[in-house]
Every structure is written in C-alpha cells, then in structure tokens.
Amino acid sequence: MATQPATEDLAAAFAGLRRSLRAYLRRRLPDPTVADDLLQDVFLKALSSKQIGRRIDNLGGWLYAATRTTLADYFRSSGMPMEALSDDIPNEETDDPRMHQELSLCLRPFIDKLPPLYRDTLIAAEFQGATMRALAEAEGVSVSAVKSRAARARAMLRRALLQCCNVEFENGLVSGYRRIDSTCCPGAR
C-alpha cells in the first residue's frame, strides 16, 4: 500500500490540471478525440512512473512536460510535415511578453556574474541552442559533465534571482514576478 498516497497525489494533480492540459492539446490538434486520447496517454505515463517508484518532485511541471512530449511523439509518428515555430509567439492564456522581456533583461546580469565555466555552458546550451553532446566534444569532457555544469548553472541562477525577486509559478511556469529590492537586480531600471 506504499504507492497509494503517491497515486492519490497524482490523481489530485491530474484532476486539477486536466482542463488546462486538454486546452493545451486542443489548441494544437484539430480533432478533440485525439486530444482526449493523448491526455489519457499522459495520465498512463504518469501512473506508470509512480507505480515503478520514480520520484517526481514537481508533479504539475512533470505533467506539462509529459504532455508536450506526448504531443511531439504523436506528430512524429503521424508523419505530418512539421514546421518550426518562432519562440516569440506568446500563449494568449498565460504568456505576458512584456513580463518575459523584463525578466530576461534582469536575468542577463545575473548570468554574467556566474563563474565562467557555468556561465559559458548555460549560454551555449540555453540561449545558443548547442547540444550537450556538441558542448562535451568541444570541451573534451563527458556529456554527463556538461549536463552537470548546466544544472549547476541553472541552480546558481535560480538562487541569485530568488534572492532578488519574488517569482510566482503556475503549473511549473513563471506567471509573475516582483522585485524585492530594485537595487539588488543588476538589470533594474
């Protein structure tokens, strides 16, 4: 019975996010029955992960990531031609382009203050689109080492940002922020 509380947590998280996840899929799929089928697949993936004992710290974020992955897998398997979309297209429901632009202006000075090894890895991986494998080959280190550097860089950046700003998260995504003290944010105007 050790899995019962984890399953109940999953059921509660899924029930709370079901409408939002379905809306996400419906915006991207013309057939509502396909969206419902994919949503069911996401729940089954989550249930399987929980049953094998995988620890999921941020269940909401995990469900959104699993939904995106399931959708991508569906399109890949369907053989439909795909076209890359610009990252500048806002999601009308949750994205505020001005907030993201302001926050990104605030992030850059924090990134610049990271130790060079971590800063360079973060910039290459997150902003320049370099793959972990390409970075590892260029540095002459293992892919695992590059992944560790990137994870440490993100953790350092997060700590620095949260010391300066109150950041609000909704379903694992940034939904708002407020500076604690405008002098602590190097990008403050």
C-alpha atoms as a PDB file:
ATOM      1  CA  MET A   1       0.000   0.000   0.000  1.00  0.00           C
ATOM      2  CA  ALA A   2       3.024   2.318  -0.103  1.00  0.00           C
ATOM      3  CA  THR A   3       2.035   3.548  -3.566  1.00  0.00           C
ATOM      4  CA  GLN A   4      -1.463   4.619  -2.512  1.00  0.00           C
ATOM      5  CA  PRO A   5      -0.574   8.184  -1.324  1.00  0.00           C
ATOM      6  CA  ALA A   6       1.548   8.766  -4.445  1.00  0.00           C
ATOM      7  CA  THR A   7      -1.334   7.611  -6.643  1.00  0.00           C
ATOM      8  CA  GLU A   8      -3.730   9.891  -4.766  1.00  0.00           C
ATOM      9  CA  ASP A   9      -1.314  12.829  -5.256  1.00  0.00           C
ATOM     10  CA  LEU A  10      -1.177  12.045  -8.962  1.00  0.00           C
ATOM     11  CA  ALA A  11      -4.954  11.811  -9.223  1.00  0.00           C
ATOM     12  CA  ALA A  12      -5.369  15.157  -7.453  1.00  0.00           C
ATOM     13  CA  ALA A  13      -2.724  16.856  -9.612  1.00  0.00           C
ATOM     14  CA  PHE A  14      -4.176  15.412 -12.790  1.00  0.00           C
ATOM     15  CA  ALA A  15      -7.716  16.415 -11.812  1.00  0.00           C
ATOM     16  CA  GLY A  16      -6.536  19.966 -11.100  1.00  0.00           C
ATOM     17  CA  LEU A  17      -4.646  20.281 -14.386  1.00  0.00           C
ATOM     18  CA  ARG A  18      -6.860  18.191 -16.664  1.00  0.00           C
ATOM     19  CA  ARG A  19      -8.745  21.123 -18.193  1.00  0.00           C
ATOM     20  CA  SER A  20      -5.582  23.131 -18.741  1.00  0.00           C
ATOM     21  CA  LEU A  21      -3.715  20.187 -20.292  1.00  0.00           C
ATOM     22  CA  ARG A  22      -6.684  19.380 -22.520  1.00  0.00           C
ATOM     23  CA  ALA A  23      -6.908  23.023 -23.640  1.00  0.00           C
ATOM     24  CA  TYR A  24      -3.192  22.952 -24.467  1.00  0.00           C
ATOM     25  CA  LEU A  25      -3.704  19.856 -26.628  1.00  0.00           C
ATOM     26  CA  ARG A  26      -6.908  21.185 -28.240  1.00  0.00           C
ATOM     27  CA  ARG A  27      -5.117  24.346 -29.395  1.00  0.00           C
ATOM     28  CA  ARG A  28      -2.636  22.146 -31.229  1.00  0.00           C
ATOM     29  CA  LEU A  29      -4.859  19.362 -32.560  1.00  0.00           C
ATOM     30  CA  PRO A  30      -7.853  19.636 -34.890  1.00  0.00           C
ATOM     31  CA  ASP A  31      -9.573  16.519 -33.520  1.00  0.00           C
ATOM     32  CA  PRO A  32     -10.839  16.668 -29.910  1.00  0.00           C
ATOM     33  CA  THR A  33     -10.876  12.870 -29.645  1.00  0.00           C
ATOM     34  CA  VAL A  34      -7.144  12.753 -30.415  1.00  0.00           C
ATOM     35  CA  ALA A  35      -6.562  15.365 -27.707  1.00  0.00           C
ATOM     36  CA  ASP A  36      -8.510  13.232 -25.215  1.00  0.00           C
ATOM     37  CA  ASP A  37      -6.574  10.107 -26.236  1.00  0.00           C
ATOM     38  CA  LEU A  38      -3.238  11.865 -25.791  1.00  0.00           C
ATOM     39  CA  LEU A  39      -4.346  13.245 -22.429  1.00  0.00           C
ATOM     40  CA  GLN A  40      -5.177   9.699 -21.358  1.00  0.00           C
ATOM     41  CA  ASP A  41      -1.697   8.602 -22.529  1.00  0.00           C
ATOM     42  CA  VAL A  42      -0.130  11.310 -20.356  1.00  0.00           C
ATOM     43  CA  PHE A  43      -2.024  10.075 -17.305  1.00  0.00           C
ATOM     44  CA  LEU A  44      -0.991   6.486 -18.008  1.00  0.00           C
ATOM     45  CA  LYS A  45       2.664   7.551 -18.328  1.00  0.00           C
ATOM     46  CA  ALA A  46       2.441   9.371 -15.006  1.00  0.00           C
ATOM     47  CA  LEU A  47       0.717   6.445 -13.334  1.00  0.00           C
ATOM     48  CA  SER A  48       3.336   4.015 -14.661  1.00  0.00           C
ATOM     49  CA  SER A  49       6.149   6.258 -13.452  1.00  0.00           C
ATOM     50  CA  LYS A  50       4.629   6.483  -9.989  1.00  0.00           C
ATOM     51  CA  GLN A  51       3.986   2.744  -9.800  1.00  0.00           C
ATOM     52  CA  ILE A  52       7.609   1.865 -10.579  1.00  0.00           C
ATOM     53  CA  GLY A  53       8.668   4.199  -7.786  1.00  0.00           C
ATOM     54  CA  ARG A  54      10.001   7.145  -9.787  1.00  0.00           C
ATOM     55  CA  ARG A  55      10.130  10.246  -7.606  1.00  0.00           C
ATOM     56  CA  ILE A  56       8.522  13.271  -9.234  1.00  0.00           C
ATOM     57  CA  ASP A  57       9.187  16.461  -7.261  1.00  0.00           C
ATOM     58  CA  ASN A  58       7.105  18.878  -9.334  1.00  0.00           C
ATOM     59  CA  LEU A  59       4.102  16.872 -10.473  1.00  0.00           C
ATOM     60  CA  GLY A  60       2.459  19.770 -12.322  1.00  0.00           C
ATOM     61  CA  GLY A  61       5.618  20.577 -14.253  1.00  0.00           C
ATOM     62  CA  TRP A  62       6.138  16.896 -14.995  1.00  0.00           C
ATOM     63  CA  LEU A  63       2.593  16.558 -16.361  1.00  0.00           C
ATOM     64  CA  TYR A  64       3.082  19.570 -18.645  1.00  0.00           C
ATOM     65  CA  ALA A  65       6.424  18.226 -19.886  1.00  0.00           C
ATOM     66  CA  ALA A  66       4.886  14.789 -20.469  1.00  0.00           C
ATOM     67  CA  THR A  67       2.033  16.416 -22.392  1.00  0.00           C
ATOM     68  CA  ARG A  68       4.443  18.314 -24.649  1.00  0.00           C
ATOM     69  CA  THR A  69       6.476  15.160 -25.240  1.00  0.00           C
ATOM     70  CA  THR A  70       3.400  13.063 -25.952  1.00  0.00           C
ATOM     71  CA  LEU A  71       2.185  15.653 -28.460  1.00  0.00           C
ATOM     72  CA  ALA A  72       5.575  15.759 -30.188  1.00  0.00           C
ATOM     73  CA  ASP A  73       5.646  11.953 -30.333  1.00  0.00           C
ATOM     74  CA  TYR A  74       2.164  11.949 -31.859  1.00  0.00           C
ATOM     75  CA  PHE A  75       3.183  14.362 -34.610  1.00  0.00           C
ATOM     76  CA  ARG A  76       6.420  12.480 -35.277  1.00  0.00           C
ATOM     77  CA  SER A  77       4.628   9.138 -35.562  1.00  0.00           C
ATOM     78  CA  SER A  78       1.865  10.541 -37.770  1.00  0.00           C
ATOM     79  CA  GLY A  79       4.342  11.557 -40.466  1.00  0.00           C
ATOM     80  CA  MET A  80       2.776  15.009 -40.751  1.00  0.00           C
ATOM     81  CA  PRO A  81       5.145  17.643 -42.128  1.00  0.00           C
ATOM     82  CA  MET A  82       6.248  19.923 -39.336  1.00  0.00           C
ATOM     83  CA  GLU A  83       7.441  23.492 -39.441  1.00  0.00           C
ATOM     84  CA  ALA A  84       9.462  25.133 -36.700  1.00  0.00           C
ATOM     85  CA  LEU A  85       7.602  27.938 -34.976  1.00  0.00           C
ATOM     86  CA  SER A  86       9.138  31.080 -33.635  1.00  0.00           C
ATOM     87  CA  ASP A  87       9.680  31.140 -29.881  1.00  0.00           C
ATOM     88  CA  ASP A  88       8.345  34.707 -29.934  1.00  0.00           C
ATOM     89  CA  ILE A  89       4.734  33.576 -30.342  1.00  0.00           C
ATOM     90  CA  PRO A  90       3.028  34.197 -26.996  1.00  0.00           C
ATOM     91  CA  ASN A  91       0.459  31.856 -25.477  1.00  0.00           C
ATOM     92  CA  GLU A  92      -2.563  34.113 -25.101  1.00  0.00           C
ATOM     93  CA  GLU A  93      -3.696  32.415 -21.912  1.00  0.00           C
ATOM     94  CA  THR A  94      -0.531  32.573 -19.832  1.00  0.00           C
ATOM     95  CA  ASP A  95       2.268  34.464 -21.559  1.00  0.00           C
ATOM     96  CA  ASP A  96       2.815  38.148 -20.994  1.00  0.00           C
ATOM     97  CA  PRO A  97       5.553  39.105 -23.476  1.00  0.00           C
ATOM     98  CA  ARG A  98       6.441  42.271 -21.537  1.00  0.00           C
ATOM     99  CA  MET A  99       6.905  40.324 -18.306  1.00  0.00           C
ATOM    100  CA  HIS A 100       9.177  37.805 -20.046  1.00  0.00           C
ATOM    101  CA  GLN A 101      11.162  40.592 -21.712  1.00  0.00           C
ATOM    102  CA  GLU A 102      11.611  42.444 -18.402  1.00  0.00           C
ATOM    103  CA  LEU A 103      12.584  39.262 -16.608  1.00  0.00           C
ATOM    104  CA  SER A 104      15.085  38.333 -19.323  1.00  0.00           C
ATOM    105  CA  LEU A 105      16.688  41.783 -19.013  1.00  0.00           C
ATOM    106  CA  CYS A 106      17.037  41.120 -15.303  1.00  0.00           C
ATOM    107  CA  LEU A 107      18.480  37.622 -15.844  1.00  0.00           C
ATOM    108  CA  ARG A 108      21.353  38.561 -18.129  1.00  0.00           C
ATOM    109  CA  PRO A 109      23.392  40.444 -15.490  1.00  0.00           C
ATOM    110  CA  PHE A 110      22.932  37.504 -13.100  1.00  0.00           C
ATOM    111  CA  ILE A 111      24.123  35.122 -15.800  1.00  0.00           C
ATOM    112  CA  ASP A 112      27.144  37.323 -16.467  1.00  0.00           C
ATOM    113  CA  LYS A 113      28.115  37.049 -12.777  1.00  0.00           C
ATOM    114  CA  LEU A 114      28.223  33.234 -12.836  1.00  0.00           C
ATOM    115  CA  PRO A 115      31.664  31.583 -12.825  1.00  0.00           C
ATOM    116  CA  PRO A 116      32.878  31.392 -16.466  1.00  0.00           C
ATOM    117  CA  LEU A 117      32.657  27.592 -16.733  1.00  0.00           C
ATOM    118  CA  TYR A 118      28.992  27.586 -15.734  1.00  0.00           C
ATOM    119  CA  ARG A 119      28.093  30.853 -17.494  1.00  0.00           C
ATOM    120  CA  ASP A 120      29.504  29.699 -20.834  1.00  0.00           C
ATOM    121  CA  THR A 121      27.779  26.321 -20.599  1.00  0.00           C
ATOM    122  CA  LEU A 122      24.426  27.914 -19.725  1.00  0.00           C
ATOM    123  CA  ILE A 123      24.622  30.473 -22.529  1.00  0.00           C
ATOM    124  CA  ALA A 124      25.650  27.878 -25.119  1.00  0.00           C
ATOM    125  CA  ALA A 125      23.017  25.333 -24.097  1.00  0.00           C
ATOM    126  CA  GLU A 126      20.062  27.550 -23.258  1.00  0.00           C
ATOM    127  CA  PHE A 127      20.476  30.599 -25.465  1.00  0.00           C
ATOM    128  CA  GLN A 128      22.568  29.490 -28.427  1.00  0.00           C
ATOM    129  CA  GLY A 129      20.910  26.097 -28.820  1.00  0.00           C
ATOM    130  CA  ALA A 130      24.068  23.997 -28.598  1.00  0.00           C
ATOM    131  CA  THR A 131      23.500  20.341 -27.786  1.00  0.00           C
ATOM    132  CA  MET A 132      25.044  18.797 -24.712  1.00  0.00           C
ATOM    133  CA  ARG A 133      26.937  16.355 -26.936  1.00  0.00           C
ATOM    134  CA  ALA A 134      28.408  19.164 -29.058  1.00  0.00           C
ATOM    135  CA  LEU A 135      29.484  21.065 -25.947  1.00  0.00           C
ATOM    136  CA  ALA A 136      31.037  17.932 -24.467  1.00  0.00           C
ATOM    137  CA  GLU A 137      33.003  17.234 -27.646  1.00  0.00           C
ATOM    138  CA  ALA A 138      34.191  20.843 -27.869  1.00  0.00           C
ATOM    139  CA  GLU A 139      35.324  20.792 -24.223  1.00  0.00           C
ATOM    140  CA  GLY A 140      36.740  17.270 -24.339  1.00  0.00           C
ATOM    141  CA  VAL A 141      34.566  16.131 -21.418  1.00  0.00           C
ATOM    142  CA  SER A 142      31.690  13.709 -20.990  1.00  0.00           C
ATOM    143  CA  VAL A 143      28.100  14.621 -21.793  1.00  0.00           C
ATOM    144  CA  SER A 144      27.334  13.948 -18.131  1.00  0.00           C
ATOM    145  CA  ALA A 145      29.857  16.610 -17.090  1.00  0.00           C
ATOM    146  CA  VAL A 146      28.232  19.183 -19.369  1.00  0.00           C
ATOM    147  CA  LYS A 147      24.766  18.295 -18.082  1.00  0.00           C
ATOM    148  CA  SER A 148      26.028  18.738 -14.525  1.00  0.00           C
ATOM    149  CA  ARG A 149      27.509  22.133 -15.376  1.00  0.00           C
ATOM    150  CA  ALA A 150      24.260  23.264 -16.978  1.00  0.00           C
ATOM    151  CA  ALA A 151      22.217  22.056 -13.997  1.00  0.00           C
ATOM    152  CA  ARG A 152      24.547  23.797 -11.541  1.00  0.00           C
ATOM    153  CA  ALA A 153      24.413  26.992 -13.595  1.00  0.00           C
ATOM    154  CA  ARG A 154      20.599  26.951 -13.577  1.00  0.00           C
ATOM    155  CA  ALA A 155      20.597  26.320  -9.809  1.00  0.00           C
ATOM    156  CA  MET A 156      23.027  29.217  -9.195  1.00  0.00           C
ATOM    157  CA  LEU A 157      20.956  31.485 -11.431  1.00  0.00           C
ATOM    158  CA  ARG A 158      17.754  30.482  -9.670  1.00  0.00           C
ATOM    159  CA  ARG A 159      19.257  31.171  -6.216  1.00  0.00           C
ATOM    160  CA  ALA A 160      20.510  34.595  -7.290  1.00  0.00           C
ATOM    161  CA  LEU A 161      17.182  35.511  -8.877  1.00  0.00           C
ATOM    162  CA  LEU A 162      15.103  34.371  -5.908  1.00  0.00           C
ATOM    163  CA  GLN A 163      17.246  36.457  -3.554  1.00  0.00           C
ATOM    164  CA  CYS A 164      16.312  39.493  -5.614  1.00  0.00           C
ATOM    165  CA  CYS A 165      12.759  38.778  -6.747  1.00  0.00           C
ATOM    166  CA  ASN A 166       9.577  37.093  -5.601  1.00  0.00           C
ATOM    167  CA  VAL A 167       8.776  34.826  -8.532  1.00  0.00           C
ATOM    168  CA  GLU A 168       5.327  33.303  -8.916  1.00  0.00           C
ATOM    169  CA  PHE A 169       4.928  29.940 -10.596  1.00  0.00           C
ATOM    170  CA  GLU A 170       1.773  28.449 -12.050  1.00  0.00           C
ATOM    171  CA  ASN A 171       1.833  24.873 -13.283  1.00  0.00           C
ATOM    172  CA  GLY A 172       5.620  24.896 -13.265  1.00  0.00           C
ATOM    173  CA  LEU A 173       5.895  28.058 -15.371  1.00  0.00           C
ATOM    174  CA  VAL A 174       6.690  31.645 -14.362  1.00  0.00           C
ATOM    175  CA  SER A 175       3.423  33.556 -14.120  1.00  0.00           C
ATOM    176  CA  GLY A 176       4.699  36.739 -12.481  1.00  0.00           C
ATOM    177  CA  TYR A 177       7.478  38.342 -10.525  1.00  0.00           C
ATOM    178  CA  ARG A 178       8.120  41.323  -8.301  1.00  0.00           C
ATOM    179  CA  ARG A 179      11.473  42.756  -7.308  1.00  0.00           C
ATOM    180  CA  ILE A 180      12.151  42.555  -3.579  1.00  0.00           C
ATOM    181  CA  ASP A 181      14.571  45.468  -3.806  1.00  0.00           C
ATOM    182  CA  SER A 182      15.287  47.263  -7.085  1.00  0.00           C
ATOM    183  CA  THR A 183      18.928  47.769  -6.090  1.00  0.00           C
ATOM    184  CA  CYS A 184      19.597  44.009  -5.929  1.00  0.00           C
ATOM    185  CA  CYS A 185      18.641  43.423  -9.540  1.00  0.00           C
ATOM    186  CA  PRO A 186      21.504  44.484 -11.799  1.00  0.00           C
ATOM    187  CA  GLY A 187      19.070  44.885 -14.696  1.00  0.00           C
ATOM    188  CA  ALA A 188      16.610  47.142 -12.830  1.00  0.00           C
ATOM    189  CA  ARG A 189      15.745  50.429 -14.417  1.00  0.00           C
END
